[in-house]
C-alpha cells in the first residue's frame, strides 16, 4: 500500500474564492490592481506584490474578520481530510496566502489540527496590515512568500511520496518537484503543457474517489503521460 504526504493549496483549491483578492477588492487602497499587473507581467515577484498589496489594506480587525467569515470552502474538503487521516497520510496546507485567514476559516469548519504554512498577517496600527514570510526561501526561483518547492523537498527527505493539490501559478514550480498532482484550473493546463504527472479534478469530491487508486488499491487513476505505478517505481 502506497503512503503519501499531501501538500494542499488553499486559495481557489480549498476555498472557493481567493481570500487576498476578496480583501483587496473590499479594503484595498487605489493602486493594488497596478501591482497585480506588474506581477503578472513579471516585473516584480509574488512576494513583493503580496507585501505591497497587504500594506494597502485599510480595515479594522473586525472588518477583516467579517469579510473572512464570508469565504466559502469546497464542501467536500472536510470529508477528504477525514479520508486522508484514516489512511494515516499527513496533510499540510501550503499557501502563498494569509495564515490568519486560513486558520480562521478552517476553525469555522472544526478543522484545527492541520499544519498551515503561509504568509503571516500582522497588524500595523488600528487599520493597517503588513506581511511576513517565514516560509520564503532565498533559492526560490519565483521568490514566493511561501516556497512550495522547499516544502516538497522537506517531505521527500522523509522518503514519503508527495502529492500536490493546487489550482494556479503559485503551484507551478512545485508541480514539477512532487510525485503526483491533483490539478484544478490553470494548474491542470500547466501540467498538461509541461508533461507533469497529474490528474485533473474539479474539487475534493473527485479527489476522494481517487484515493484508492493513489494508494495502489485500484488502477483507475487517469495519469498523463505514464502510469502512476511507473512514476512511483521510478522514484522509489
Protein backbone atom coordinates (compact mmCIF):
# COMPACT_ATOMS: atom_id res chain seq x y z
CA UNK A 1 0.00 0.00 0.00
CA UNK A 2 1.42 3.38 -1.03
CA UNK A 3 1.94 6.07 1.62
CA UNK A 4 1.66 9.72 0.65
CA UNK A 5 2.38 13.11 2.14
CA UNK A 6 -0.07 15.70 0.83
CA UNK A 7 0.62 19.39 0.26
CA UNK A 8 -2.60 21.26 -0.40
CA UNK A 9 -3.01 24.81 -1.68
CA UNK A 10 -5.73 26.92 -0.08
CA UNK A 11 -6.94 29.87 -2.20
CA UNK A 12 -9.04 28.58 -5.08
CA UNK A 13 -8.33 24.98 -4.07
CA UNK A 14 -9.81 24.53 -0.60
CA UNK A 15 -11.53 27.91 -0.62
CA UNK A 16 -13.95 28.84 -3.37
CA UNK A 17 -12.57 32.38 -3.67
CA UNK A 18 -9.08 33.84 -3.31
CA UNK A 19 -9.01 35.39 0.17
CA UNK A 20 -6.47 38.10 -0.65
CA UNK A 21 -8.41 39.16 -3.74
CA UNK A 22 -11.62 39.41 -1.69
CA UNK A 23 -9.92 41.58 0.94
CA UNK A 24 -8.22 43.83 -1.61
CA UNK A 25 -11.42 44.33 -3.58
CA UNK A 26 -13.21 45.39 -0.39
CA UNK A 27 -10.50 47.19 1.58
CA UNK A 28 -7.60 47.84 -0.79
CA UNK A 29 -6.43 51.39 -1.42
CA UNK A 30 -6.17 52.53 -5.06
CA UNK A 31 -3.14 51.07 -6.80
CA UNK A 32 -3.27 47.44 -5.75
CA UNK A 33 -4.51 46.43 -9.22
CA UNK A 34 -1.43 48.02 -10.79
CA UNK A 35 0.77 45.90 -8.54
CA UNK A 36 -1.12 42.81 -9.64
CA UNK A 37 -0.44 43.68 -13.28
CA UNK A 38 3.27 44.23 -12.58
CA UNK A 39 3.43 40.77 -11.01
CA UNK A 40 1.60 39.14 -13.89
CA UNK A 41 3.92 40.91 -16.33
CA UNK A 42 6.93 39.53 -14.47
CA UNK A 43 8.18 42.92 -13.27
CA UNK A 44 8.00 42.02 -9.56
CA UNK A 45 7.94 38.75 -7.63
CA UNK A 46 4.83 37.36 -6.00
CA UNK A 47 6.29 38.09 -2.55
CA UNK A 48 6.99 41.74 -3.43
CA UNK A 49 3.48 42.05 -4.85
CA UNK A 50 1.79 40.50 -1.81
CA UNK A 51 3.77 42.52 0.71
CA UNK A 52 2.95 45.78 -1.06
CA UNK A 53 -0.72 44.89 -1.55
CA UNK A 54 -1.26 43.86 2.08
CA UNK A 55 0.28 47.19 3.06
CA UNK A 56 -2.53 48.86 1.09
CA UNK A 57 -5.35 47.30 3.13
CA UNK A 58 -7.41 49.76 5.15
CA UNK A 59 -9.57 47.76 7.54
CA UNK A 60 -10.08 47.17 11.23
CA UNK A 61 -9.66 43.64 12.58
CA UNK A 62 -13.43 43.38 12.99
CA UNK A 63 -13.99 44.38 9.36
CA UNK A 64 -11.34 41.93 8.19
CA UNK A 65 -12.85 39.11 10.26
CA UNK A 66 -16.31 39.82 8.90
CA UNK A 67 -15.07 39.56 5.32
CA UNK A 68 -13.05 36.43 6.03
CA UNK A 69 -16.08 34.78 7.62
CA UNK A 70 -17.91 35.07 4.30
CA UNK A 71 -15.31 32.96 2.47
CA UNK A 72 -16.68 29.56 1.50
CA UNK A 73 -14.73 26.33 1.13
CA UNK A 74 -15.24 23.29 -1.07
CA UNK A 75 -17.92 21.41 0.92
CA UNK A 76 -16.17 18.09 0.26
CA UNK A 77 -12.84 19.13 1.78
CA UNK A 78 -13.63 18.06 5.38
CA UNK A 79 -14.61 14.60 4.13
CA UNK A 80 -11.44 14.44 2.02
CA UNK A 81 -9.34 15.37 5.04
CA UNK A 82 -11.01 12.67 7.16
CA UNK A 83 -10.42 10.08 4.43
CA UNK A 84 -6.74 11.04 4.23
CA UNK A 85 -6.33 10.96 8.02
CA UNK A 86 -7.94 7.49 8.21
CA UNK A 87 -5.15 6.28 5.93
CA UNK A 88 -2.55 7.85 8.19
CA UNK A 89 -1.32 10.22 5.48
CA UNK A 90 -0.10 13.63 6.67
CA UNK A 91 -1.66 16.69 5.02
CA UNK A 92 -0.44 20.27 5.29
CA UNK A 93 -1.95 23.42 3.85
CA UNK A 94 0.82 25.16 1.92
CA UNK A 95 -0.24 28.56 0.67
CA UNK A 96 1.12 31.83 -0.66
CA UNK A 97 -1.88 33.41 1.06
CA UNK A 98 -2.61 34.53 4.63
CA UNK A 99 -2.15 32.25 7.63
CA UNK A 100 -4.60 34.13 9.84
CA UNK A 101 -7.40 33.87 7.30
CA UNK A 102 -6.72 30.20 6.59
CA UNK A 103 -6.78 29.24 10.26
CA UNK A 104 -9.92 31.27 10.95
CA UNK A 105 -11.77 29.71 8.00
CA UNK A 106 -10.64 26.19 8.89
CA UNK A 107 -11.62 26.66 12.55
CA UNK A 108 -15.11 27.66 11.41
CA UNK A 109 -15.38 24.14 9.95
CA UNK A 110 -13.94 22.45 13.03
CA UNK A 111 -10.51 21.89 11.49
CA UNK A 112 -7.77 22.95 13.88
CA UNK A 113 -5.21 20.15 13.64
CA UNK A 114 -3.82 20.71 10.13
CA UNK A 115 -0.41 22.40 9.74
CA UNK A 116 -0.59 25.72 7.87
CA UNK A 117 2.46 27.05 6.05
CA UNK A 118 1.61 30.51 4.72
CA UNK A 119 2.46 34.19 4.93
CA UNK A 120 1.99 35.73 8.36
CA UNK A 121 -0.55 38.57 8.52
CA UNK A 122 0.45 41.19 11.10
CA UNK A 123 -1.38 44.32 12.31
CA UNK A 124 0.22 47.71 11.70
CA UNK A 125 -1.73 50.32 13.62
CA UNK A 126 -5.50 50.27 14.07
CA UNK A 127 -6.39 49.78 10.39
CA UNK A 128 -3.14 48.84 8.68
CA UNK A 129 -1.61 45.45 7.93
CA UNK A 130 1.74 44.02 6.97
CA UNK A 131 3.08 40.69 5.76
CA UNK A 132 5.89 38.48 6.99
CA UNK A 133 7.01 35.42 5.03
CA UNK A 134 8.51 32.84 7.41
CA UNK A 135 8.39 30.13 4.73
CA UNK A 136 10.21 32.06 2.00
CA UNK A 137 13.44 30.62 0.65
CA UNK A 138 16.42 32.51 -0.78
CA UNK A 139 16.79 29.90 -3.53
CA UNK A 140 13.13 30.15 -4.62
CA UNK A 141 13.09 30.66 -8.38
CA UNK A 142 9.99 32.86 -8.30
CA UNK A 143 10.58 34.44 -4.86
CA UNK A 144 7.24 33.34 -3.44
CA UNK A 145 6.24 34.25 0.08
CA UNK A 146 5.89 30.51 0.69
CA UNK A 147 8.32 28.37 -1.30
CA UNK A 148 6.30 25.27 -2.10
CA UNK A 149 9.30 23.60 -3.75
CA UNK A 150 11.20 23.78 -0.46
CA UNK A 151 8.16 22.31 1.32
CA UNK A 152 8.09 19.46 -1.19
CA UNK A 153 11.81 18.78 -0.73
CA UNK A 154 11.36 18.54 3.03
CA UNK A 155 8.63 15.95 2.61
CA UNK A 156 10.67 13.98 0.08
CA UNK A 157 13.57 13.89 2.54
CA UNK A 158 11.32 11.80 4.75
CA UNK A 159 11.13 9.24 1.88
CA UNK A 160 7.42 9.80 1.50
CA UNK A 161 5.73 10.14 -1.85
CA UNK A 162 4.42 13.65 -2.21
CA UNK A 163 1.08 14.67 -3.71
CA UNK A 164 0.40 18.31 -4.55
CA UNK A 165 -3.17 19.60 -4.82
CA UNK A 166 -3.48 23.05 -6.34
CA UNK A 167 -5.02 25.35 -8.87
CA UNK A 168 -2.76 28.17 -10.04
CA UNK A 169 0.52 29.96 -10.56
CA UNK A 170 1.84 29.56 -7.01
CA UNK A 171 1.77 25.79 -7.60
CA UNK A 172 3.53 25.71 -10.97
CA UNK A 173 7.09 25.34 -9.73
CA UNK A 174 6.30 22.73 -7.07
CA UNK A 175 4.25 20.66 -9.52
CA UNK A 176 7.44 19.57 -11.26
CA UNK A 177 9.07 18.62 -7.95
CA UNK A 178 6.49 16.23 -6.49
CA UNK A 179 5.47 12.70 -7.38
CA UNK A 180 1.92 13.41 -8.49
CA UNK A 181 -0.52 16.30 -8.79
CA UNK A 182 -4.27 16.68 -8.43
CA UNK A 183 -4.70 19.78 -10.58
CA UNK A 184 -7.51 22.31 -10.93
CA UNK A 185 -7.91 25.11 -13.46
CA UNK A 186 -4.66 26.81 -14.53
CA UNK A 187 -2.51 24.19 -12.84
CA UNK A 188 -4.17 21.48 -14.91
CA UNK A 189 -3.24 23.30 -18.11
CA UNK A 190 0.30 23.87 -16.84
CA UNK A 191 0.78 20.18 -16.01
CA UNK A 192 -0.60 19.14 -19.37
CA UNK A 193 1.66 21.55 -21.25
CA UNK A 194 4.77 20.51 -19.32
CA UNK A 195 4.04 16.76 -19.28
CA UNK A 196 3.84 16.66 -15.47
CA UNK A 197 2.27 13.56 -13.94
CA UNK A 198 -1.18 14.63 -12.85
CA UNK A 199 -4.89 14.10 -13.00
CA UNK A 200 -7.49 16.81 -13.37
CA UNK A 201 -10.04 17.43 -10.63
CA UNK A 202 -12.85 19.94 -10.24
CA UNK A 203 -12.97 19.59 -6.47
CA UNK A 204 -12.47 17.37 -3.45
CA UNK A 205 -15.43 15.11 -4.16
CA UNK A 206 -13.42 13.82 -7.13
CA UNK A 207 -10.24 13.75 -5.06
CA UNK A 208 -11.90 11.42 -2.55
CA UNK A 209 -12.76 8.98 -5.32
CA UNK A 210 -9.11 8.95 -6.45
CA UNK A 211 -7.65 7.96 -3.08
CA UNK A 212 -7.94 4.17 -3.59
CA UNK A 213 -6.01 4.43 -6.84
CA UNK A 214 -3.43 6.68 -5.21
CA UNK A 215 -2.98 4.05 -2.50
CA UNK A 216 -2.48 1.36 -5.13
CA UNK A 217 -5.71 -0.41 -4.33
CA UNK A 218 -7.02 0.04 -7.89
CA UNK A 219 -5.55 1.08 -11.22
CA UNK A 220 -8.28 3.56 -12.16
CA UNK A 221 -6.19 6.73 -11.86
CA UNK A 222 -6.06 8.68 -15.11
CA UNK A 223 -2.41 9.66 -15.42
CA UNK A 224 -0.54 11.52 -18.14
CA UNK A 225 1.84 10.77 -19.72
CA UNK A 226 2.56 7.42 -17.97
CA UNK A 227 1.08 5.32 -15.21
CA UNK A 228 1.28 6.32 -11.59
CA UNK A 229 2.78 2.93 -10.78
CA UNK A 230 5.69 3.54 -13.17
CA UNK A 231 6.20 7.02 -11.79
CA UNK A 232 6.29 5.79 -8.20
CA UNK A 233 8.62 2.89 -9.04
CA UNK A 234 10.98 5.29 -10.79
CA UNK A 235 11.41 7.37 -7.63
CA UNK A 236 11.36 4.60 -5.07
